[in-house]
Amino acid sequence: MNKAESGHYYLKLSIHDNDFRSDIEFVADTLYNIFYFFDTAPDEIVNNLSQLKVCVKEILYETHKIFNLLGHGSPVSKDYFEPDLKIIDYLDIPEWDNGESAFIPLFEGDIIYR
């Protein structure tokens, strides 16, 4: 079965540091809205995952810079925001992930934060 066809797959987004949970939440919400607004087919996300990873790194870093400018947190190098992006099945979403991950549905649904 093709991952994009099942309807139960999510894009996992994490930088493996719960100190940046608000950054992750903002970027996850933004990505979900982009996918929904442009009616993005799951196959497009799957087929462009490596390019998406580059864009997400930039969005995470720039979001962090804005939060920092507004007095939230300390500056961190762009290299720190290397995202762990992968497509996973709903059944593989952990019950708890230390507040480090967002699971963005590749269908109309709710983002899961763990």
PDB file of N, CA and C in Angstrom:
ATOM      1  N   MET A   1       0.845  -1.182   0.000  1.00  0.00           N
ATOM      2  CA  MET A   1       0.000   0.000   0.000  1.00  0.00           C
ATOM      3  C   MET A   1       0.886   1.240   0.000  1.00  0.00           C
ATOM      4  N   ASN A   2       0.557   2.176  -0.836  1.00  0.00           N
ATOM      5  CA  ASN A   2       1.281   3.440  -0.916  1.00  0.00           C
ATOM      6  C   ASN A   2       0.992   4.273   0.327  1.00  0.00           C
ATOM      7  N   LYS A   3       2.026   4.823   0.952  1.00  0.00           N
ATOM      8  CA  LYS A   3       1.849   5.623   2.162  1.00  0.00           C
ATOM      9  C   LYS A   3       0.858   6.754   1.960  1.00  0.00           C
ATOM     10  N   ALA A   4       0.913   7.403   0.817  1.00  0.00           N
ATOM     11  CA  ALA A   4       0.074   8.569   0.574  1.00  0.00           C
ATOM     12  C   ALA A   4      -1.384   8.180   0.323  1.00  0.00           C
ATOM     13  N   GLU A   5      -1.666   6.935  -0.003  1.00  0.00           N
ATOM     14  CA  GLU A   5      -3.030   6.523  -0.324  1.00  0.00           C
ATOM     15  C   GLU A   5      -3.827   6.088   0.897  1.00  0.00           C
ATOM     16  N   SER A   6      -3.183   5.742   1.968  1.00  0.00           N
ATOM     17  CA  SER A   6      -3.913   5.155   3.083  1.00  0.00           C
ATOM     18  C   SER A   6      -4.795   6.153   3.816  1.00  0.00           C
ATOM     19  N   GLY A   7      -4.379   7.424   3.870  1.00  0.00           N
ATOM     20  CA  GLY A   7      -5.159   8.419   4.595  1.00  0.00           C
ATOM     21  C   GLY A   7      -4.879   8.447   6.072  1.00  0.00           C
ATOM     22  N   HIS A   8      -4.007   7.600   6.562  1.00  0.00           N
ATOM     23  CA  HIS A   8      -3.689   7.546   7.986  1.00  0.00           C
ATOM     24  C   HIS A   8      -2.227   7.873   8.255  1.00  0.00           C
ATOM     25  N   TYR A   9      -1.630   8.619   7.367  1.00  0.00           N
ATOM     26  CA  TYR A   9      -0.230   8.949   7.500  1.00  0.00           C
ATOM     27  C   TYR A   9      -0.041  10.413   7.878  1.00  0.00           C
ATOM     28  N   TYR A  10       1.039  10.653   8.599  1.00  0.00           N
ATOM     29  CA  TYR A  10       1.346  11.970   9.131  1.00  0.00           C
ATOM     30  C   TYR A  10       2.776  12.348   8.772  1.00  0.00           C
ATOM     31  N   LEU A  11       3.008  13.640   8.688  1.00  0.00           N
ATOM     32  CA  LEU A  11       4.362  14.152   8.551  1.00  0.00           C
ATOM     33  C   LEU A  11       4.850  14.472   9.956  1.00  0.00           C
ATOM     34  N   LYS A  12       5.870  13.748  10.397  1.00  0.00           N
ATOM     35  CA  LYS A  12       6.462  14.012  11.705  1.00  0.00           C
ATOM     36  C   LYS A  12       7.452  15.156  11.562  1.00  0.00           C
ATOM     37  N   LEU A  13       7.350  16.146  12.451  1.00  0.00           N
ATOM     38  CA  LEU A  13       8.263  17.281  12.490  1.00  0.00           C
ATOM     39  C   LEU A  13       8.848  17.369  13.884  1.00  0.00           C
ATOM     40  N   SER A  14      10.179  17.323  13.971  1.00  0.00           N
ATOM     41  CA  SER A  14      10.860  17.430  15.261  1.00  0.00           C
ATOM     42  C   SER A  14      12.270  17.961  15.053  1.00  0.00           C
ATOM     43  N   ILE A  15      12.777  18.664  16.062  1.00  0.00           N
ATOM     44  CA  ILE A  15      14.207  18.970  16.107  1.00  0.00           C
ATOM     45  C   ILE A  15      14.800  18.350  17.380  1.00  0.00           C
ATOM     46  N   HIS A  16      14.015  17.517  18.048  1.00  0.00           N
ATOM     47  CA  HIS A  16      14.428  16.742  19.217  1.00  0.00           C
ATOM     48  C   HIS A  16      14.893  17.631  20.378  1.00  0.00           C
ATOM     49  N   ASP A  17      14.133  18.707  20.613  1.00  0.00           N
ATOM     50  CA  ASP A  17      14.423  19.591  21.743  1.00  0.00           C
ATOM     51  C   ASP A  17      13.126  20.280  22.139  1.00  0.00           C
ATOM     52  N   ASN A  18      12.602  19.934  23.301  1.00  0.00           N
ATOM     53  CA  ASN A  18      11.314  20.496  23.712  1.00  0.00           C
ATOM     54  C   ASN A  18      11.399  21.959  24.141  1.00  0.00           C
ATOM     55  N   ASP A  19      12.600  22.530  24.188  1.00  0.00           N
ATOM     56  CA  ASP A  19      12.730  23.964  24.466  1.00  0.00           C
ATOM     57  C   ASP A  19      12.168  24.803  23.325  1.00  0.00           C
ATOM     58  N   PHE A  20      11.968  24.188  22.175  1.00  0.00           N
ATOM     59  CA  PHE A  20      11.483  24.905  21.000  1.00  0.00           C
ATOM     60  C   PHE A  20      10.084  24.440  20.595  1.00  0.00           C
ATOM     61  N   ARG A  21       9.323  24.012  21.575  1.00  0.00           N
ATOM     62  CA  ARG A  21       7.971  23.513  21.293  1.00  0.00           C
ATOM     63  C   ARG A  21       7.101  24.574  20.614  1.00  0.00           C
ATOM     64  N   SER A  22       7.180  25.824  21.058  1.00  0.00           N
ATOM     65  CA  SER A  22       6.335  26.851  20.441  1.00  0.00           C
ATOM     66  C   SER A  22       6.726  27.081  18.987  1.00  0.00           C
ATOM     67  N   ASP A  23       8.011  26.982  18.673  1.00  0.00           N
ATOM     68  CA  ASP A  23       8.465  27.103  17.290  1.00  0.00           C
ATOM     69  C   ASP A  23       7.895  25.958  16.445  1.00  0.00           C
ATOM     70  N   ILE A  24       7.991  24.739  16.989  1.00  0.00           N
ATOM     71  CA  ILE A  24       7.485  23.551  16.301  1.00  0.00           C
ATOM     72  C   ILE A  24       5.973  23.678  16.070  1.00  0.00           C
ATOM     73  N   GLU A  25       5.244  24.109  17.089  1.00  0.00           N
ATOM     74  CA  GLU A  25       3.793  24.240  16.953  1.00  0.00           C
ATOM     75  C   GLU A  25       3.433  25.267  15.884  1.00  0.00           C
ATOM     76  N   PHE A  26       4.114  26.403  15.894  1.00  0.00           N
ATOM     77  CA  PHE A  26       3.828  27.442  14.908  1.00  0.00           C
ATOM     78  C   PHE A  26       4.095  26.937  13.497  1.00  0.00           C
ATOM     79  N   VAL A  27       5.230  26.294  13.307  1.00  0.00           N
ATOM     80  CA  VAL A  27       5.602  25.805  11.970  1.00  0.00           C
ATOM     81  C   VAL A  27       4.675  24.660  11.545  1.00  0.00           C
ATOM     82  N   ALA A  28       4.317  23.779  12.459  1.00  0.00           N
ATOM     83  CA  ALA A  28       3.395  22.686  12.128  1.00  0.00           C
ATOM     84  C   ALA A  28       2.039  23.245  11.688  1.00  0.00           C
ATOM     85  N   ASP A  29       1.524  24.221  12.418  1.00  0.00           N
ATOM     86  CA  ASP A  29       0.255  24.855  12.035  1.00  0.00           C
ATOM     87  C   ASP A  29       0.368  25.514  10.664  1.00  0.00           C
ATOM     88  N   THR A  30       1.488  26.186  10.423  1.00  0.00           N
ATOM     89  CA  THR A  30       1.708  26.852   9.141  1.00  0.00           C
ATOM     90  C   THR A  30       1.751  25.837   8.001  1.00  0.00           C
ATOM     91  N   LEU A  31       2.495  24.747   8.188  1.00  0.00           N
ATOM     92  CA  LEU A  31       2.579  23.717   7.152  1.00  0.00           C
ATOM     93  C   LEU A  31       1.214  23.103   6.870  1.00  0.00           C
ATOM     94  N   TYR A  32       0.484  22.783   7.925  1.00  0.00           N
ATOM     95  CA  TYR A  32      -0.843  22.204   7.734  1.00  0.00           C
ATOM     96  C   TYR A  32      -1.725  23.152   6.920  1.00  0.00           C
ATOM     97  N   ASN A  33      -1.683  24.442   7.259  1.00  0.00           N
ATOM     98  CA  ASN A  33      -2.488  25.426   6.529  1.00  0.00           C
ATOM     99  C   ASN A  33      -2.062  25.548   5.068  1.00  0.00           C
ATOM    100  N   ILE A  34      -0.767  25.484   4.818  1.00  0.00           N
ATOM    101  CA  ILE A  34      -0.277  25.519   3.434  1.00  0.00           C
ATOM    102  C   ILE A  34      -0.774  24.296   2.680  1.00  0.00           C
ATOM    103  N   PHE A  35      -0.607  23.115   3.273  1.00  0.00           N
ATOM    104  CA  PHE A  35      -1.051  21.887   2.619  1.00  0.00           C
ATOM    105  C   PHE A  35      -2.550  21.955   2.325  1.00  0.00           C
ATOM    106  N   TYR A  36      -3.324  22.432   3.292  1.00  0.00           N
ATOM    107  CA  TYR A  36      -4.776  22.494   3.144  1.00  0.00           C
ATOM    108  C   TYR A  36      -5.179  23.549   2.118  1.00  0.00           C
ATOM    109  N   PHE A  37      -4.598  24.748   2.202  1.00  0.00           N
ATOM    110  CA  PHE A  37      -4.951  25.850   1.309  1.00  0.00           C
ATOM    111  C   PHE A  37      -4.687  25.496  -0.147  1.00  0.00           C
ATOM    112  N   PHE A  38      -3.543  24.868  -0.396  1.00  0.00           N
ATOM    113  CA  PHE A  38      -3.182  24.520  -1.764  1.00  0.00           C
ATOM    114  C   PHE A  38      -3.690  23.141  -2.172  1.00  0.00           C
ATOM    115  N   ASP A  39      -4.481  22.526  -1.303  1.00  0.00           N
ATOM    116  CA  ASP A  39      -5.060  21.211  -1.588  1.00  0.00           C
ATOM    117  C   ASP A  39      -3.972  20.250  -2.072  1.00  0.00           C
ATOM    118  N   THR A  40      -2.901  20.191  -1.282  1.00  0.00           N
ATOM    119  CA  THR A  40      -1.725  19.407  -1.636  1.00  0.00           C
ATOM    120  C   THR A  40      -2.003  17.918  -1.494  1.00  0.00           C
ATOM    121  N   ALA A  41      -1.737  17.184  -2.543  1.00  0.00           N
ATOM    122  CA  ALA A  41      -1.894  15.730  -2.499  1.00  0.00           C
ATOM    123  C   ALA A  41      -0.774  15.137  -1.652  1.00  0.00           C
ATOM    124  N   PRO A  42      -1.088  14.135  -0.847  1.00  0.00           N
ATOM    125  CA  PRO A  42      -0.054  13.502  -0.021  1.00  0.00           C
ATOM    126  C   PRO A  42       1.159  13.033  -0.825  1.00  0.00           C
ATOM    127  N   ASP A  43       0.938  12.553  -2.038  1.00  0.00           N
ATOM    128  CA  ASP A  43       2.067  12.104  -2.867  1.00  0.00           C
ATOM    129  C   ASP A  43       3.043  13.240  -3.149  1.00  0.00           C
ATOM    130  N   GLU A  44       2.538  14.471  -3.286  1.00  0.00           N
ATOM    131  CA  GLU A  44       3.415  15.616  -3.523  1.00  0.00           C
ATOM    132  C   GLU A  44       4.337  15.843  -2.324  1.00  0.00           C
ATOM    133  N   ILE A  45       3.814  15.655  -1.142  1.00  0.00           N
ATOM    134  CA  ILE A  45       4.626  15.816   0.069  1.00  0.00           C
ATOM    135  C   ILE A  45       5.663  14.703   0.141  1.00  0.00           C
ATOM    136  N   VAL A  46       5.228  13.487  -0.078  1.00  0.00           N
ATOM    137  CA  VAL A  46       6.132  12.335  -0.041  1.00  0.00           C
ATOM    138  C   VAL A  46       7.245  12.488  -1.077  1.00  0.00           C
ATOM    139  N   ASN A  47       6.881  12.880  -2.293  1.00  0.00           N
ATOM    140  CA  ASN A  47       7.857  12.981  -3.380  1.00  0.00           C
ATOM    141  C   ASN A  47       8.807  14.163  -3.242  1.00  0.00           C
ATOM    142  N   ASN A  48       8.467  15.144  -2.433  1.00  0.00           N
ATOM    143  CA  ASN A  48       9.296  16.348  -2.278  1.00  0.00           C
ATOM    144  C   ASN A  48       9.817  16.518  -0.854  1.00  0.00           C
ATOM    145  N   LEU A  49       9.907  15.433  -0.122  1.00  0.00           N
ATOM    146  CA  LEU A  49      10.290  15.503   1.286  1.00  0.00           C
ATOM    147  C   LEU A  49      11.668  16.124   1.494  1.00  0.00           C
ATOM    148  N   SER A  50      12.628  15.811   0.658  1.00  0.00           N
ATOM    149  CA  SER A  50      13.974  16.362   0.860  1.00  0.00           C
ATOM    150  C   SER A  50      14.001  17.870   0.628  1.00  0.00           C
ATOM    151  N   GLN A  51      13.272  18.365  -0.379  1.00  0.00           N
ATOM    152  CA  GLN A  51      13.202  19.811  -0.605  1.00  0.00           C
ATOM    153  C   GLN A  51      12.397  20.492   0.501  1.00  0.00           C
ATOM    154  N   LEU A  52      11.351  19.825   0.956  1.00  0.00           N
ATOM    155  CA  LEU A  52      10.532  20.363   2.041  1.00  0.00           C
ATOM    156  C   LEU A  52      11.363  20.525   3.312  1.00  0.00           C
ATOM    157  N   LYS A  53      12.254  19.584   3.549  1.00  0.00           N
ATOM    158  CA  LYS A  53      13.115  19.639   4.729  1.00  0.00           C
ATOM    159  C   LYS A  53      13.965  20.913   4.736  1.00  0.00           C
ATOM    160  N   VAL A  54      14.495  21.293   3.583  1.00  0.00           N
ATOM    161  CA  VAL A  54      15.298  22.519   3.467  1.00  0.00           C
ATOM    162  C   VAL A  54      14.445  23.739   3.803  1.00  0.00           C
ATOM    163  N   CYS A  55      13.238  23.780   3.261  1.00  0.00           N
ATOM    164  CA  CYS A  55      12.333  24.912   3.516  1.00  0.00           C
ATOM    165  C   CYS A  55      11.916  24.970   4.984  1.00  0.00           C
ATOM    166  N   VAL A  56      11.612  23.822   5.567  1.00  0.00           N
ATOM    167  CA  VAL A  56      11.174  23.778   6.967  1.00  0.00           C
ATOM    168  C   VAL A  56      12.288  24.251   7.889  1.00  0.00           C
ATOM    169  N   LYS A  57      13.532  23.897   7.589  1.00  0.00           N
ATOM    170  CA  LYS A  57      14.656  24.375   8.393  1.00  0.00           C
ATOM    171  C   LYS A  57      14.679  25.904   8.406  1.00  0.00           C
ATOM    172  N   GLU A  58      14.501  26.503   7.245  1.00  0.00           N
ATOM    173  CA  GLU A  58      14.494  27.971   7.153  1.00  0.00           C
ATOM    174  C   GLU A  58      13.315  28.568   7.932  1.00  0.00           C
ATOM    175  N   ILE A  59      12.138  27.968   7.787  1.00  0.00           N
ATOM    176  CA  ILE A  59      10.955  28.478   8.492  1.00  0.00           C
ATOM    177  C   ILE A  59      11.153  28.372  10.005  1.00  0.00           C
ATOM    178  N   LEU A  60      11.686  27.238  10.462  1.00  0.00           N
ATOM    179  CA  LEU A  60      11.945  27.071  11.902  1.00  0.00           C
ATOM    180  C   LEU A  60      12.916  28.130  12.414  1.00  0.00           C
ATOM    181  N   TYR A  61      13.990  28.319  11.672  1.00  0.00           N
ATOM    182  CA  TYR A  61      15.007  29.279  12.100  1.00  0.00           C
ATOM    183  C   TYR A  61      14.454  30.701  12.105  1.00  0.00           C
ATOM    184  N   GLU A  62      13.758  31.081  11.053  1.00  0.00           N
ATOM    185  CA  GLU A  62      13.218  32.443  10.981  1.00  0.00           C
ATOM    186  C   GLU A  62      12.136  32.663  12.031  1.00  0.00           C
ATOM    187  N   THR A  63      11.349  31.638  12.312  1.00  0.00           N
ATOM    188  CA  THR A  63      10.358  31.732  13.393  1.00  0.00           C
ATOM    189  C   THR A  63      11.061  31.953  14.720  1.00  0.00           C
ATOM    190  N   HIS A  64      12.115  31.202  14.954  1.00  0.00           N
ATOM    191  CA  HIS A  64      12.898  31.364  16.182  1.00  0.00           C
ATOM    192  C   HIS A  64      13.458  32.784  16.282  1.00  0.00           C
ATOM    193  N   LYS A  65      13.958  33.311  15.170  1.00  0.00           N
ATOM    194  CA  LYS A  65      14.505  34.671  15.180  1.00  0.00           C
ATOM    195  C   LYS A  65      13.427  35.694  15.541  1.00  0.00           C
ATOM    196  N   ILE A  66      12.232  35.532  15.012  1.00  0.00           N
ATOM    197  CA  ILE A  66      11.140  36.450  15.352  1.00  0.00           C
ATOM    198  C   ILE A  66      10.801  36.338  16.829  1.00  0.00           C
ATOM    199  N   PHE A  67      10.640  35.116  17.337  1.00  0.00           N
ATOM    200  CA  PHE A  67      10.352  34.931  18.763  1.00  0.00           C
ATOM    201  C   PHE A  67      11.442  35.579  19.612  1.00  0.00           C
ATOM    202  N   ASN A  68      12.701  35.407  19.181  1.00  0.00           N
ATOM    203  CA  ASN A  68      13.834  35.965  19.911  1.00  0.00           C
ATOM    204  C   ASN A  68      13.790  37.491  19.893  1.00  0.00           C
ATOM    205  N   LEU A  69      13.489  38.082  18.754  1.00  0.00           N
ATOM    206  CA  LEU A  69      13.389  39.541  18.657  1.00  0.00           C
ATOM    207  C   LEU A  69      12.312  40.099  19.592  1.00  0.00           C
ATOM    208  N   LEU A  70      11.295  39.294  19.836  1.00  0.00           N
ATOM    209  CA  LEU A  70      10.196  39.723  20.705  1.00  0.00           C
ATOM    210  C   LEU A  70      10.440  39.366  22.169  1.00  0.00           C
ATOM    211  N   GLY A  71      11.667  38.973  22.479  1.00  0.00           N
ATOM    212  CA  GLY A  71      12.055  38.732  23.863  1.00  0.00           C
ATOM    213  C   GLY A  71      11.820  37.340  24.392  1.00  0.00           C
ATOM    214  N   HIS A  72      11.663  36.366  23.507  1.00  0.00           N
ATOM    215  CA  HIS A  72      11.415  34.989  23.945  1.00  0.00           C
ATOM    216  C   HIS A  72      12.599  34.105  23.586  1.00  0.00           C
ATOM    217  N   GLY A  73      13.454  33.832  24.545  1.00  0.00           N
ATOM    218  CA  GLY A  73      14.570  32.924  24.312  1.00  0.00           C
ATOM    219  C   GLY A  73      15.851  33.610  23.908  1.00  0.00           C
ATOM    220  N   SER A  74      16.844  32.781  23.675  1.00  0.00           N
ATOM    221  CA  SER A  74      18.180  33.237  23.294  1.00  0.00           C
ATOM    222  C   SER A  74      18.473  32.818  21.866  1.00  0.00           C
ATOM    223  N   PRO A  75      19.355  33.560  21.179  1.00  0.00           N
ATOM    224  CA  PRO A  75      19.689  33.185  19.804  1.00  0.00           C
ATOM    225  C   PRO A  75      20.348  31.808  19.728  1.00  0.00           C
ATOM    226  N   VAL A  76      20.006  31.084  18.692  1.00  0.00           N
ATOM    227  CA  VAL A  76      20.562  29.759  18.440  1.00  0.00           C
ATOM    228  C   VAL A  76      20.956  29.702  16.968  1.00  0.00           C
ATOM    229  N   SER A  77      22.009  28.982  16.667  1.00  0.00           N
ATOM    230  CA  SER A  77      22.507  28.829  15.293  1.00  0.00           C
ATOM    231  C   SER A  77      21.467  28.152  14.392  1.00  0.00           C
ATOM    232  N   LYS A  78      21.467  28.533  13.130  1.00  0.00           N
ATOM    233  CA  LYS A  78      20.557  27.926  12.155  1.00  0.00           C
ATOM    234  C   LYS A  78      20.761  26.417  12.060  1.00  0.00           C
ATOM    235  N   ASP A  79      21.997  25.971  12.210  1.00  0.00           N
ATOM    236  CA  ASP A  79      22.288  24.540  12.115  1.00  0.00           C
ATOM    237  C   ASP A  79      21.539  23.726  13.165  1.00  0.00           C
ATOM    238  N   TYR A  80      21.167  24.358  14.253  1.00  0.00           N
ATOM    239  CA  TYR A  80      20.452  23.656  15.319  1.00  0.00           C
ATOM    240  C   TYR A  80      19.049  23.238  14.877  1.00  0.00           C
ATOM    241  N   PHE A  81      18.502  23.905  13.874  1.00  0.00           N
ATOM    242  CA  PHE A  81      17.126  23.688  13.458  1.00  0.00           C
ATOM    243  C   PHE A  81      16.985  22.687  12.313  1.00  0.00           C
ATOM    244  N   GLU A  82      17.911  21.753  12.240  1.00  0.00           N
ATOM    245  CA  GLU A  82      17.840  20.692  11.231  1.00  0.00           C
ATOM    246  C   GLU A  82      16.636  19.802  11.577  1.00  0.00           C
ATOM    247  N   PRO A  83      15.580  19.861  10.759  1.00  0.00           N
ATOM    248  CA  PRO A  83      14.375  19.120  11.136  1.00  0.00           C
ATOM    249  C   PRO A  83      14.468  17.632  10.819  1.00  0.00           C
ATOM    250  N   ASP A  84      13.848  16.864  11.677  1.00  0.00           N
ATOM    251  CA  ASP A  84      13.639  15.447  11.427  1.00  0.00           C
ATOM    252  C   ASP A  84      12.233  15.361  10.832  1.00  0.00           C
ATOM    253  N   LEU A  85      12.167  15.178   9.531  1.00  0.00           N
ATOM    254  CA  LEU A  85      10.886  15.052   8.829  1.00  0.00           C
ATOM    255  C   LEU A  85      10.790  13.641   8.282  1.00  0.00           C
ATOM    256  N   LYS A  86       9.678  13.002   8.564  1.00  0.00           N
ATOM    257  CA  LYS A  86       9.447  11.693   7.960  1.00  0.00           C
ATOM    258  C   LYS A  86       7.955  11.400   7.957  1.00  0.00           C
ATOM    259  N   ILE A  87       7.554  10.566   7.051  1.00  0.00           N
ATOM    260  CA  ILE A  87       6.165  10.145   6.946  1.00  0.00           C
ATOM    261  C   ILE A  87       6.008   8.905   7.832  1.00  0.00           C
ATOM    262  N   ILE A  88       5.012   8.968   8.716  1.00  0.00           N
ATOM    263  CA  ILE A  88       4.785   7.821   9.593  1.00  0.00           C
ATOM    264  C   ILE A  88       3.295   7.489   9.650  1.00  0.00           C
ATOM    265  N   ASP A  89       3.019   6.264   9.966  1.00  0.00           N
ATOM    266  CA  ASP A  89       1.660   5.787  10.129  1.00  0.00           C
ATOM    267  C   ASP A  89       1.120   6.240  11.485  1.00  0.00           C
ATOM    268  N   TYR A  90      -0.168   6.458  11.558  1.00  0.00           N
ATOM    269  CA  TYR A  90      -0.809   6.846  12.821  1.00  0.00           C
ATOM    270  C   TYR A  90      -0.444   5.881  13.948  1.00  0.00           C
ATOM    271  N   LEU A  91      -0.390   4.602  13.638  1.00  0.00           N
ATOM    272  CA  LEU A  91      -0.090   3.594  14.661  1.00  0.00           C
ATOM    273  C   LEU A  91       1.331   3.713  15.206  1.00  0.00           C
ATOM    274  N   ASP A  92       2.203   4.435  14.498  1.00  0.00           N
ATOM    275  CA  ASP A  92       3.586   4.608  14.944  1.00  0.00           C
ATOM    276  C   ASP A  92       3.807   5.905  15.726  1.00  0.00           C
ATOM    277  N   ILE A  93       2.750   6.682  15.931  1.00  0.00           N
ATOM    278  CA  ILE A  93       2.879   7.902  16.728  1.00  0.00           C
ATOM    279  C   ILE A  93       2.979   7.493  18.187  1.00  0.00           C
ATOM    280  N   PRO A  94       4.049   7.904  18.865  1.00  0.00           N
ATOM    281  CA  PRO A  94       4.211   7.511  20.268  1.00  0.00           C
ATOM    282  C   PRO A  94       3.181   8.203  21.165  1.00  0.00           C
ATOM    283  N   GLU A  95       2.897   7.586  22.274  1.00  0.00           N
ATOM    284  CA  GLU A  95       1.987   8.189  23.260  1.00  0.00           C
ATOM    285  C   GLU A  95       2.603   9.448  23.859  1.00  0.00           C
ATOM    286  N   TRP A  96       3.913   9.466  23.968  1.00  0.00           N
ATOM    287  CA  TRP A  96       4.634  10.580  24.575  1.00  0.00           C
ATOM    288  C   TRP A  96       5.953  10.736  23.845  1.00  0.00           C
ATOM    289  N   ASP A  97       6.336  11.984  23.553  1.00  0.00           N
ATOM    290  CA  ASP A  97       7.605  12.224  22.859  1.00  0.00           C
ATOM    291  C   ASP A  97       8.305  13.443  23.459  1.00  0.00           C
ATOM    292  N   ASN A  98       8.142  13.632  24.760  1.00  0.00           N
ATOM    293  CA  ASN A  98       8.838  14.677  25.508  1.00  0.00           C
ATOM    294  C   ASN A  98       8.537  16.092  24.991  1.00  0.00           C
ATOM    295  N   GLY A  99       7.390  16.288  24.346  1.00  0.00           N
ATOM    296  CA  GLY A  99       7.028  17.614  23.850  1.00  0.00           C
ATOM    297  C   GLY A  99       7.892  18.091  22.703  1.00  0.00           C
ATOM    298  N   GLU A 100       8.501  17.150  21.967  1.00  0.00           N
ATOM    299  CA  GLU A 100       9.460  17.504  20.921  1.00  0.00           C
ATOM    300  C   GLU A 100       8.929  17.376  19.505  1.00  0.00           C
ATOM    301  N   SER A 101       7.734  16.828  19.323  1.00  0.00           N
ATOM    302  CA  SER A 101       7.296  16.489  17.975  1.00  0.00           C
ATOM    303  C   SER A 101       5.881  16.947  17.680  1.00  0.00           C
ATOM    304  N   ALA A 102       5.676  17.237  16.402  1.00  0.00           N
ATOM    305  CA  ALA A 102       4.346  17.498  15.860  1.00  0.00           C
ATOM    306  C   ALA A 102       4.110  16.474  14.764  1.00  0.00           C
ATOM    307  N   PHE A 103       2.894  15.991  14.679  1.00  0.00           N
ATOM    308  CA  PHE A 103       2.509  15.014  13.670  1.00  0.00           C
ATOM    309  C   PHE A 103       1.384  15.644  12.850  1.00  0.00           C
ATOM    310  N   ILE A 104       1.726  16.041  11.631  1.00  0.00           N
ATOM    311  CA  ILE A 104       0.828  16.790  10.769  1.00  0.00           C
ATOM    312  C   ILE A 104       0.108  15.805   9.846  1.00  0.00           C
ATOM    313  N   PRO A 105      -1.226  15.755   9.920  1.00  0.00           N
ATOM    314  CA  PRO A 105      -1.950  14.793   9.075  1.00  0.00           C
ATOM    315  C   PRO A 105      -1.806  15.130   7.598  1.00  0.00           C
ATOM    316  N   LEU A 106      -1.684  14.103   6.783  1.00  0.00           N
ATOM    317  CA  LEU A 106      -1.622  14.283   5.335  1.00  0.00           C
ATOM    318  C   LEU A 106      -3.031  14.135   4.750  1.00  0.00           C
ATOM    319  N   PHE A 107      -3.990  14.552   5.520  1.00  0.00           N
ATOM    320  CA  PHE A 107      -5.402  14.533   5.177  1.00  0.00           C
ATOM    321  C   PHE A 107      -6.043  15.578   6.087  1.00  0.00           C
ATOM    322  N   GLU A 108      -7.314  15.831   5.934  1.00  0.00           N
ATOM    323  CA  GLU A 108      -7.974  16.798   6.813  1.00  0.00           C
ATOM    324  C   GLU A 108      -8.127  16.175   8.191  1.00  0.00           C
ATOM    325  N   GLY A 109      -7.515  16.802   9.180  1.00  0.00           N
ATOM    326  CA  GLY A 109      -7.539  16.266  10.537  1.00  0.00           C
ATOM    327  C   GLY A 109      -6.799  17.193  11.472  1.00  0.00           C
ATOM    328  N   ASP A 110      -6.612  16.748  12.700  1.00  0.00           N
ATOM    329  CA  ASP A 110      -5.943  17.551  13.720  1.00  0.00           C
ATOM    330  C   ASP A 110      -4.462  17.207  13.826  1.00  0.00           C
ATOM    331  N   ILE A 111      -3.652  18.224  14.040  1.00  0.00           N
ATOM    332  CA  ILE A 111      -2.235  18.019  14.305  1.00  0.00           C
ATOM    333  C   ILE A 111      -2.113  17.421  15.705  1.00  0.00           C
ATOM    334  N   ILE A 112      -1.240  16.452  15.829  1.00  0.00           N
ATOM    335  CA  ILE A 112      -0.998  15.807  17.121  1.00  0.00           C
ATOM    336  C   ILE A 112       0.358  16.284  17.634  1.00  0.00           C
ATOM    337  N   TYR A 113       0.372  16.783  18.855  1.00  0.00           N
ATOM    338  CA  TYR A 113       1.612  17.229  19.478  1.00  0.00           C
ATOM    339  C   TYR A 113       1.958  16.264  20.603  1.00  0.00           C
ATOM    340  N   ARG A 114       3.210  15.799  20.609  1.00  0.00           N
ATOM    341  CA  ARG A 114       3.633  14.858  21.660  1.00  0.00           C
ATOM    342  C   ARG A 114       4.958  15.303  22.225  1.00  0.00           C
TER     343      ARG A 114
END
